[in-house]
Amino acid sequence: MRVVNNGFSKLAKETHDRASMVVRKCAFDLQAKAQTLAAVDTGAMKNSIGVTTGGVYGDYEKALAAAQAANPAAPLFATVQDKPSDLTDLQAIVAVGAEYGIYVEMGHVVGLTAENGSVSMAARPFMGPAADAIEPVFEQAMAQVLPR
């Protein structure tokens, strides 16, 4: 028996393309959710949350410009480590450009005082809860990508 055209290559491409779409959509959904949960003082941190996706699109530089406009004095990371050309279309990075974002997310010791000992800032997580909210959506969408 000989199979002339089994359609596997077409099926593989369609599955890959749908999975790529899910990755991109969920990355931008994660960005939007994190921005709604982010603590806001000047708006720089919230605006600095950007997306870089593999080979296709990234708005990280646009996010940095918006953060700079919100607070020109805000310390920002110039770039994410991976550029869109370094990623595959099945990868995305959602990054916080404000250097202090990790301290807001995780909390930290602000300083020491003679009277009170250490003074700390409580964590105000926004990226973790956003990822937790998007994870089941991502898993369900990826489950739909594979043909039954």
N, C-alpha and C. Protein backbone atom coordinates (compact mmCIF):
# COMPACT_ATOMS: atom_id res chain seq x y z
N MET A 1 0.85 -1.16 0.00
CA MET A 1 0.00 0.00 0.00
C MET A 1 0.90 1.23 0.00
N ARG A 2 0.45 2.25 -0.69
CA ARG A 2 1.21 3.49 -0.78
C ARG A 2 0.28 4.68 -0.54
N VAL A 3 0.70 5.59 0.36
CA VAL A 3 -0.08 6.79 0.64
C VAL A 3 0.53 7.92 -0.19
N VAL A 4 -0.29 8.52 -1.02
CA VAL A 4 0.19 9.58 -1.88
C VAL A 4 0.12 10.94 -1.17
N ASN A 5 -0.98 11.24 -0.51
CA ASN A 5 -1.14 12.51 0.19
C ASN A 5 -1.93 12.25 1.46
N ASN A 6 -1.23 12.26 2.58
CA ASN A 6 -1.94 12.00 3.83
C ASN A 6 -2.40 13.28 4.52
N GLY A 7 -1.98 14.44 4.07
CA GLY A 7 -2.43 15.71 4.64
C GLY A 7 -1.77 16.09 5.95
N PHE A 8 -0.80 15.29 6.40
CA PHE A 8 -0.16 15.59 7.70
C PHE A 8 0.58 16.92 7.68
N SER A 9 1.25 17.25 6.61
CA SER A 9 2.01 18.51 6.59
C SER A 9 1.07 19.71 6.65
N LYS A 10 -0.07 19.64 5.98
CA LYS A 10 -1.06 20.72 6.04
C LYS A 10 -1.63 20.82 7.45
N LEU A 11 -1.95 19.68 8.04
CA LEU A 11 -2.49 19.66 9.40
C LEU A 11 -1.47 20.22 10.40
N ALA A 12 -0.20 19.85 10.23
CA ALA A 12 0.85 20.34 11.13
C ALA A 12 0.98 21.86 11.02
N LYS A 13 0.95 22.40 9.80
CA LYS A 13 1.06 23.85 9.61
C LYS A 13 -0.14 24.58 10.21
N GLU A 14 -1.33 24.06 9.97
CA GLU A 14 -2.53 24.70 10.53
C GLU A 14 -2.51 24.67 12.05
N THR A 15 -2.09 23.56 12.64
CA THR A 15 -2.00 23.44 14.09
C THR A 15 -0.96 24.42 14.64
N HIS A 16 0.18 24.50 13.99
CA HIS A 16 1.23 25.44 14.41
C HIS A 16 0.73 26.88 14.33
N ASP A 17 0.07 27.23 13.25
CA ASP A 17 -0.43 28.60 13.08
C ASP A 17 -1.46 28.95 14.15
N ARG A 18 -2.36 28.01 14.47
CA ARG A 18 -3.36 28.27 15.52
C ARG A 18 -2.69 28.40 16.88
N ALA A 19 -1.71 27.56 17.16
CA ALA A 19 -0.99 27.64 18.44
C ALA A 19 -0.26 28.98 18.55
N SER A 20 0.34 29.44 17.47
CA SER A 20 1.02 30.72 17.45
C SER A 20 0.05 31.86 17.76
N MET A 21 -1.14 31.79 17.19
CA MET A 21 -2.16 32.80 17.46
C MET A 21 -2.56 32.82 18.94
N VAL A 22 -2.71 31.63 19.53
CA VAL A 22 -3.06 31.52 20.94
C VAL A 22 -1.98 32.16 21.81
N VAL A 23 -0.71 31.87 21.51
CA VAL A 23 0.40 32.43 22.28
C VAL A 23 0.35 33.95 22.23
N ARG A 24 0.20 34.51 21.04
CA ARG A 24 0.17 35.98 20.91
C ARG A 24 -1.02 36.59 21.63
N LYS A 25 -2.19 36.02 21.42
CA LYS A 25 -3.39 36.57 22.05
C LYS A 25 -3.28 36.53 23.57
N CYS A 26 -2.83 35.41 24.10
CA CYS A 26 -2.72 35.29 25.56
C CYS A 26 -1.64 36.21 26.12
N ALA A 27 -0.58 36.46 25.36
CA ALA A 27 0.45 37.40 25.82
C ALA A 27 -0.15 38.80 25.95
N PHE A 28 -0.92 39.22 24.97
CA PHE A 28 -1.53 40.55 25.04
C PHE A 28 -2.64 40.60 26.09
N ASP A 29 -3.35 39.48 26.30
CA ASP A 29 -4.34 39.42 27.38
C ASP A 29 -3.65 39.54 28.74
N LEU A 30 -2.49 38.88 28.88
CA LEU A 30 -1.71 38.95 30.12
C LEU A 30 -1.25 40.39 30.35
N GLN A 31 -0.78 41.04 29.31
CA GLN A 31 -0.36 42.44 29.43
C GLN A 31 -1.53 43.30 29.93
N ALA A 32 -2.69 43.15 29.32
CA ALA A 32 -3.85 43.96 29.69
C ALA A 32 -4.28 43.69 31.13
N LYS A 33 -4.28 42.42 31.52
CA LYS A 33 -4.67 42.07 32.89
C LYS A 33 -3.67 42.63 33.90
N ALA A 34 -2.38 42.51 33.61
CA ALA A 34 -1.35 43.05 34.52
C ALA A 34 -1.49 44.56 34.64
N GLN A 35 -1.79 45.23 33.54
CA GLN A 35 -1.96 46.68 33.60
C GLN A 35 -3.16 47.08 34.44
N THR A 36 -4.22 46.28 34.44
CA THR A 36 -5.37 46.62 35.28
C THR A 36 -5.08 46.36 36.75
N LEU A 37 -4.19 45.42 37.05
CA LEU A 37 -3.86 45.08 38.44
C LEU A 37 -2.70 45.88 39.01
N ALA A 38 -1.92 46.52 38.17
CA ALA A 38 -0.71 47.22 38.61
C ALA A 38 -1.05 48.43 39.49
N ALA A 39 -0.25 48.59 40.54
CA ALA A 39 -0.38 49.78 41.38
C ALA A 39 0.00 51.00 40.54
N VAL A 40 -0.70 52.10 40.77
CA VAL A 40 -0.44 53.30 39.97
C VAL A 40 -0.12 54.47 40.88
N ASP A 41 1.05 55.06 40.66
CA ASP A 41 1.42 56.32 41.29
C ASP A 41 1.48 57.36 40.17
N THR A 42 2.48 57.24 39.33
CA THR A 42 2.59 58.15 38.18
C THR A 42 2.06 57.51 36.90
N GLY A 43 1.90 56.19 36.90
CA GLY A 43 1.46 55.46 35.70
C GLY A 43 2.61 54.90 34.89
N ALA A 44 3.84 55.20 35.29
CA ALA A 44 5.00 54.72 34.53
C ALA A 44 5.10 53.21 34.55
N MET A 45 4.94 52.58 35.73
CA MET A 45 5.07 51.13 35.80
C MET A 45 3.97 50.44 34.99
N LYS A 46 2.75 50.88 35.17
CA LYS A 46 1.62 50.30 34.44
C LYS A 46 1.85 50.41 32.93
N ASN A 47 2.26 51.59 32.49
CA ASN A 47 2.47 51.80 31.06
C ASN A 47 3.69 51.07 30.53
N SER A 48 4.62 50.70 31.41
CA SER A 48 5.85 50.04 30.95
C SER A 48 5.69 48.56 30.68
N ILE A 49 4.53 48.01 30.95
CA ILE A 49 4.30 46.58 30.72
C ILE A 49 4.09 46.38 29.21
N GLY A 50 5.00 45.64 28.60
CA GLY A 50 4.95 45.47 27.15
C GLY A 50 5.11 44.01 26.74
N VAL A 51 4.85 43.75 25.49
CA VAL A 51 4.89 42.40 24.93
C VAL A 51 5.91 42.35 23.81
N THR A 52 6.67 41.27 23.79
CA THR A 52 7.53 40.95 22.66
C THR A 52 7.16 39.54 22.22
N THR A 53 6.79 39.39 20.96
CA THR A 53 6.43 38.07 20.46
C THR A 53 7.38 37.67 19.35
N GLY A 54 7.51 36.40 19.17
CA GLY A 54 8.47 35.87 18.22
C GLY A 54 8.26 36.29 16.78
N GLY A 55 9.24 37.02 16.25
CA GLY A 55 9.31 37.33 14.85
C GLY A 55 8.19 38.18 14.28
N VAL A 56 7.14 38.42 15.04
CA VAL A 56 5.96 39.05 14.47
C VAL A 56 5.78 40.48 14.96
N TYR A 57 5.71 40.67 16.24
CA TYR A 57 5.30 41.96 16.76
C TYR A 57 5.79 42.12 18.18
N GLY A 58 6.10 43.32 18.54
CA GLY A 58 6.43 43.64 19.91
C GLY A 58 6.07 45.08 20.17
N ASP A 59 5.50 45.34 21.33
CA ASP A 59 5.17 46.72 21.66
C ASP A 59 5.95 47.19 22.87
N TYR A 60 7.03 46.49 23.21
CA TYR A 60 7.82 46.86 24.39
C TYR A 60 8.36 48.28 24.27
N GLU A 61 8.89 48.65 23.11
CA GLU A 61 9.42 50.00 22.93
C GLU A 61 8.31 51.04 23.07
N LYS A 62 7.13 50.73 22.55
CA LYS A 62 5.98 51.63 22.68
C LYS A 62 5.58 51.77 24.15
N ALA A 63 5.65 50.66 24.89
CA ALA A 63 5.33 50.70 26.32
C ALA A 63 6.33 51.57 27.07
N LEU A 64 7.60 51.46 26.72
CA LEU A 64 8.61 52.30 27.36
C LEU A 64 8.37 53.78 27.08
N ALA A 65 7.99 54.10 25.86
CA ALA A 65 7.71 55.49 25.50
C ALA A 65 6.52 56.01 26.31
N ALA A 66 5.50 55.19 26.48
CA ALA A 66 4.33 55.59 27.28
C ALA A 66 4.71 55.77 28.74
N ALA A 67 5.57 54.89 29.25
CA ALA A 67 6.04 55.01 30.64
C ALA A 67 6.85 56.28 30.82
N GLN A 68 7.72 56.58 29.86
CA GLN A 68 8.55 57.79 29.90
C GLN A 68 7.67 59.03 29.88
N ALA A 69 6.61 59.00 29.09
CA ALA A 69 5.69 60.13 29.03
C ALA A 69 4.96 60.32 30.35
N ALA A 70 4.62 59.21 31.01
CA ALA A 70 3.92 59.29 32.29
C ALA A 70 4.82 59.84 33.39
N ASN A 71 6.11 59.46 33.34
CA ASN A 71 7.06 59.93 34.35
C ASN A 71 8.46 59.92 33.75
N PRO A 72 8.91 61.06 33.25
CA PRO A 72 10.23 61.12 32.62
C PRO A 72 11.38 60.70 33.54
N ALA A 73 11.18 60.76 34.85
CA ALA A 73 12.25 60.40 35.80
C ALA A 73 12.24 58.91 36.17
N ALA A 74 11.25 58.17 35.70
CA ALA A 74 11.15 56.75 36.07
C ALA A 74 12.32 55.95 35.51
N PRO A 75 12.97 55.14 36.36
CA PRO A 75 14.06 54.30 35.85
C PRO A 75 13.49 53.12 35.07
N LEU A 76 13.90 52.99 33.80
CA LEU A 76 13.34 51.97 32.92
C LEU A 76 14.46 51.12 32.33
N PHE A 77 14.16 49.83 32.12
CA PHE A 77 15.08 48.97 31.38
C PHE A 77 14.96 49.34 29.91
N ALA A 78 16.08 49.48 29.23
CA ALA A 78 16.06 49.93 27.83
C ALA A 78 15.43 48.90 26.90
N THR A 79 15.69 47.62 27.14
CA THR A 79 15.17 46.58 26.25
C THR A 79 14.92 45.31 27.06
N VAL A 80 14.19 44.39 26.46
CA VAL A 80 14.12 43.05 27.01
C VAL A 80 15.31 42.30 26.42
N GLN A 81 15.72 41.25 27.08
CA GLN A 81 16.91 40.53 26.63
C GLN A 81 16.73 39.94 25.24
N ASP A 82 15.57 39.35 24.99
CA ASP A 82 15.32 38.72 23.69
C ASP A 82 14.56 39.66 22.79
N LYS A 83 15.00 39.78 21.57
CA LYS A 83 14.32 40.58 20.56
C LYS A 83 13.32 39.68 19.83
N PRO A 84 12.31 40.27 19.15
CA PRO A 84 11.36 39.43 18.42
C PRO A 84 12.04 38.45 17.47
N SER A 85 13.16 38.84 16.88
CA SER A 85 13.85 37.95 15.95
C SER A 85 14.54 36.78 16.67
N ASP A 86 14.74 36.89 18.00
CA ASP A 86 15.36 35.81 18.77
C ASP A 86 14.35 34.76 19.21
N LEU A 87 13.09 35.08 19.15
CA LEU A 87 12.03 34.19 19.63
C LEU A 87 11.37 33.46 18.46
N THR A 88 10.81 32.30 18.75
CA THR A 88 10.00 31.63 17.73
C THR A 88 8.59 32.20 17.80
N ASP A 89 7.76 31.87 16.84
CA ASP A 89 6.39 32.37 16.87
C ASP A 89 5.53 31.65 17.91
N LEU A 90 6.12 30.73 18.64
CA LEU A 90 5.41 30.06 19.74
C LEU A 90 5.92 30.56 21.10
N GLN A 91 6.61 31.70 21.09
CA GLN A 91 7.13 32.29 22.32
C GLN A 91 6.71 33.75 22.41
N ALA A 92 6.52 34.21 23.64
CA ALA A 92 6.22 35.63 23.88
C ALA A 92 6.77 36.00 25.25
N ILE A 93 7.16 37.24 25.38
CA ILE A 93 7.62 37.78 26.65
C ILE A 93 6.71 38.94 27.02
N VAL A 94 6.20 38.90 28.24
CA VAL A 94 5.47 40.04 28.79
C VAL A 94 6.37 40.58 29.89
N ALA A 95 6.88 41.80 29.71
CA ALA A 95 7.89 42.35 30.61
C ALA A 95 7.45 43.68 31.19
N VAL A 96 7.94 43.94 32.41
CA VAL A 96 7.72 45.22 33.06
C VAL A 96 8.99 46.04 32.86
N GLY A 97 8.87 47.16 32.19
CA GLY A 97 10.03 47.98 31.89
C GLY A 97 10.51 48.83 33.05
N ALA A 98 9.64 49.12 34.00
CA ALA A 98 10.04 49.90 35.17
C ALA A 98 10.96 49.06 36.04
N GLU A 99 12.14 49.57 36.33
CA GLU A 99 13.12 48.81 37.10
C GLU A 99 12.59 48.42 38.48
N TYR A 100 11.70 49.20 39.04
CA TYR A 100 11.19 48.95 40.38
C TYR A 100 9.98 48.01 40.40
N GLY A 101 9.56 47.54 39.23
CA GLY A 101 8.40 46.64 39.15
C GLY A 101 8.54 45.40 40.01
N ILE A 102 9.74 44.82 40.07
CA ILE A 102 9.95 43.61 40.87
C ILE A 102 9.74 43.88 42.35
N TYR A 103 10.09 45.10 42.80
CA TYR A 103 9.91 45.44 44.21
C TYR A 103 8.45 45.63 44.56
N VAL A 104 7.68 46.16 43.63
CA VAL A 104 6.25 46.28 43.83
C VAL A 104 5.63 44.89 43.85
N GLU A 105 6.02 44.05 42.90
CA GLU A 105 5.49 42.69 42.79
C GLU A 105 5.79 41.85 44.04
N MET A 106 7.03 41.91 44.51
CA MET A 106 7.49 41.01 45.57
C MET A 106 7.59 41.67 46.95
N GLY A 107 7.55 42.99 47.01
CA GLY A 107 7.78 43.70 48.27
C GLY A 107 9.27 43.75 48.54
N HIS A 108 9.68 44.59 49.48
CA HIS A 108 11.09 44.67 49.81
C HIS A 108 11.32 45.51 51.06
N VAL A 109 12.52 45.41 51.61
CA VAL A 109 12.92 46.24 52.73
C VAL A 109 13.34 47.58 52.17
N VAL A 110 12.70 48.63 52.62
CA VAL A 110 12.97 49.97 52.13
C VAL A 110 14.22 50.54 52.80
N GLY A 111 14.37 50.29 54.08
CA GLY A 111 15.53 50.84 54.79
C GLY A 111 15.49 50.46 56.25
N LEU A 112 16.44 50.94 56.98
CA LEU A 112 16.53 50.68 58.41
C LEU A 112 16.43 52.00 59.16
N THR A 113 15.73 51.97 60.27
CA THR A 113 15.67 53.15 61.13
C THR A 113 16.12 52.75 62.52
N ALA A 114 16.69 53.69 63.26
CA ALA A 114 17.16 53.42 64.62
C ALA A 114 15.99 53.09 65.53
N GLU A 115 14.87 53.75 65.33
CA GLU A 115 13.71 53.56 66.21
C GLU A 115 12.94 52.27 65.93
N ASN A 116 12.68 52.00 64.67
CA ASN A 116 11.77 50.91 64.30
C ASN A 116 12.44 49.70 63.66
N GLY A 117 13.73 49.72 63.48
CA GLY A 117 14.39 48.63 62.77
C GLY A 117 14.14 48.77 61.29
N SER A 118 13.85 47.66 60.63
CA SER A 118 13.66 47.73 59.18
C SER A 118 12.27 48.24 58.83
N VAL A 119 12.23 48.96 57.75
CA VAL A 119 10.97 49.45 57.20
C VAL A 119 10.79 48.75 55.87
N SER A 120 9.67 48.09 55.72
CA SER A 120 9.47 47.33 54.49
C SER A 120 8.23 47.79 53.74
N MET A 121 8.25 47.51 52.46
CA MET A 121 7.10 47.79 51.62
C MET A 121 6.44 46.45 51.31
N ALA A 122 5.17 46.34 51.61
CA ALA A 122 4.45 45.09 51.34
C ALA A 122 4.35 44.84 49.84
N ALA A 123 4.33 43.59 49.49
CA ALA A 123 4.15 43.21 48.08
C ALA A 123 2.77 43.65 47.60
N ARG A 124 2.74 44.11 46.37
CA ARG A 124 1.48 44.43 45.69
C ARG A 124 1.52 43.74 44.32
N PRO A 125 1.38 42.39 44.34
CA PRO A 125 1.56 41.62 43.11
C PRO A 125 0.55 41.99 42.02
N PHE A 126 1.04 41.99 40.80
CA PHE A 126 0.18 42.25 39.64
C PHE A 126 0.50 41.28 38.51
N MET A 127 1.78 40.95 38.29
CA MET A 127 2.14 40.02 37.21
C MET A 127 1.72 38.59 37.55
N GLY A 128 2.02 38.15 38.77
CA GLY A 128 1.65 36.79 39.18
C GLY A 128 0.15 36.55 39.10
N PRO A 129 -0.67 37.43 39.71
CA PRO A 129 -2.11 37.25 39.60
C PRO A 129 -2.63 37.33 38.16
N ALA A 130 -2.01 38.17 37.34
CA ALA A 130 -2.43 38.26 35.94
C ALA A 130 -2.12 36.94 35.23
N ALA A 131 -0.94 36.39 35.48
CA ALA A 131 -0.57 35.10 34.87
C ALA A 131 -1.50 33.99 35.35
N ASP A 132 -1.83 34.01 36.64
CA ASP A 132 -2.76 33.01 37.18
C ASP A 132 -4.12 33.10 36.52
N ALA A 133 -4.56 34.32 36.21
CA ALA A 133 -5.87 34.50 35.57
C ALA A 133 -5.86 34.04 34.11
N ILE A 134 -4.76 34.24 33.42
CA ILE A 134 -4.67 33.90 32.00
C ILE A 134 -4.34 32.43 31.77
N GLU A 135 -3.67 31.80 32.71
CA GLU A 135 -3.23 30.40 32.53
C GLU A 135 -4.34 29.45 32.12
N PRO A 136 -5.50 29.42 32.81
CA PRO A 136 -6.54 28.47 32.37
C PRO A 136 -7.09 28.80 30.98
N VAL A 137 -7.13 30.08 30.64
CA VAL A 137 -7.59 30.49 29.31
C VAL A 137 -6.62 29.95 28.26
N PHE A 138 -5.32 30.12 28.52
CA PHE A 138 -4.28 29.63 27.62
C PHE A 138 -4.39 28.11 27.46
N GLU A 139 -4.50 27.39 28.58
CA GLU A 139 -4.57 25.93 28.52
C GLU A 139 -5.79 25.46 27.74
N GLN A 140 -6.93 26.10 27.97
CA GLN A 140 -8.15 25.71 27.26
C GLN A 140 -8.02 26.01 25.77
N ALA A 141 -7.46 27.16 25.42
CA ALA A 141 -7.30 27.52 24.01
C ALA A 141 -6.33 26.57 23.32
N MET A 142 -5.23 26.21 23.99
CA MET A 142 -4.28 25.28 23.39
C MET A 142 -4.89 23.89 23.23
N ALA A 143 -5.75 23.49 24.15
CA ALA A 143 -6.42 22.20 24.01
C ALA A 143 -7.32 22.18 22.79
N GLN A 144 -7.87 23.34 22.42
CA GLN A 144 -8.74 23.43 21.25
C GLN A 144 -7.95 23.44 19.94
N VAL A 145 -6.65 23.76 20.03
CA VAL A 145 -5.80 23.83 18.83
C VAL A 145 -5.63 22.46 18.20
N LEU A 146 -5.48 21.45 19.02
CA LEU A 146 -5.25 20.11 18.49
C LEU A 146 -6.54 19.52 17.96
N PRO A 147 -6.51 19.06 16.74
CA PRO A 147 -7.73 18.47 16.17
C PRO A 147 -8.07 17.16 16.90
N ARG A 148 -9.33 16.89 16.95
CA ARG A 148 -9.80 15.68 17.66
C ARG A 148 -9.93 14.53 16.69
